[in-house]
Amino acid sequence: MAAELFIGTRKGLFKFERIAGTWQQTYVAFLGEPVTAFLVDPRSGHWYAALSHGHFGAKLHRSTNRGAIWEELVMPAFPKTGAEDAPSVNQIWALEAGGADRPGTIWAGTLPAALFRNDDHGVAPWQLVEGLWNLPERKLWFGGGTDDPALHSVCVDPRNSDRIVIAISCGGVWRSEDAGRSWACRSKGLFAEYMPPERREDPNIQDVHRLVQCRDRPDHFWCQHHNGVFHSTSDLAHWEYDGPRFGFGVAVHPGDPAKAWFVPAIKDELRVPKDGHLVASRTQDGGTSFEELSKGLPPGPSYDLVLRHALDIDQAGDTLAFGSTTGNLFVSEDQGDSWRAVTHHLPPIYVVRFAAPR
């Protein structure tokens, strides 16, 4: 069972630990600062926190001693090209560790949508993945809720860490087989009802809100799309549609790809729970059916929204957690059958992550 749970919020980073059968807050850092992404590297145990300082810009920090001391790292940055001004990295949206065969590699997804790589535990200068940045199709991407598209999901294939899958808001799903040198779009089967009919299936403008990959069955993926829920059992050769459920977060069981969890809202124009009743949603049969899970959640009225990185599952596949924009944090230790409120008093929650055991 997971023992450490990290929460990145609008006003700091908080850690909760399971002590004597209850989840208790045991740590806080960056109090008052927005934490937009967080990673515990399962290979080194290092902690990484991305911050957004408003006028002072985005920052990246690392701790090698479990949060006792934080050091500021060099931020990912676009290289300058001649007299032309380089764009700025406005936010780090995703931090993911490379594979076991690349012990120092860290990937960062940013706003505007770009992928950066660091092969020295975040210490050396970051390298822009130019194969993605220079795609001609990038000109077709656009912002989904932001002025620019954002790269928010990075999946590293556990069988081969050169195989990287990323998702971009209003930019679709893309795969590299060679650690980022070349890319192929993997949006076939996704569709966008918000576009004109002739562009409904345009692979370059699909608004994936979150993308996850099953750890033990890495040919299986789930995505929460702007239009609903989709899954792929074909290593992204094609996506299957599972229904019009709006939301942002998604979690997949690490050992059973047919099990996935979501926290739905009504629709884009009304981002609150249906009938004011906060529920989680689970499928156990690969999207054929869904069940609402509400035991232990507030009966309402409730107006919580769960953002794309604010739902997570532990490495064993039994414990889930999600946090909301109203500062509520809920944990389930039985795959969602029942929930417990850990706290109702956090700042708006951006990121929920369990620490993978080393």
Foldseek 3Di string as FASTA:
>chain_A
DFFWKWFFFQAWIWIWGQDPNATDTDDTPNGGWGWQEWDQQQLQRKIKTWTQDVVVAIWIWIDNPVPPDIDTADDAADDDDPPDDGDGFRTFQYWDAFEPVQSQWIWTKTVQGWIWIDSHVRHDHIDTLVQVVVDPLLVQAAPDVDRHKTWHEWDAQRVHRLWIWTQIAQAAIWIGNGNRNHIDGLQAAQFDPVDPPVCGSPRGGWGWLYKDAQQQQRLKIWTQTLQGIWIGNHSSNHIDGQDRFHAHAKEAQNHQRQKMKTWGADHPVQQFHVVLATWMWIGNGNRNDIDTFRAANDRDNHGWGWGHAFWYAANNRQKIWGATQQGWIWMGRGNRNHIHTNDRDGHGTNHMDGHHHD
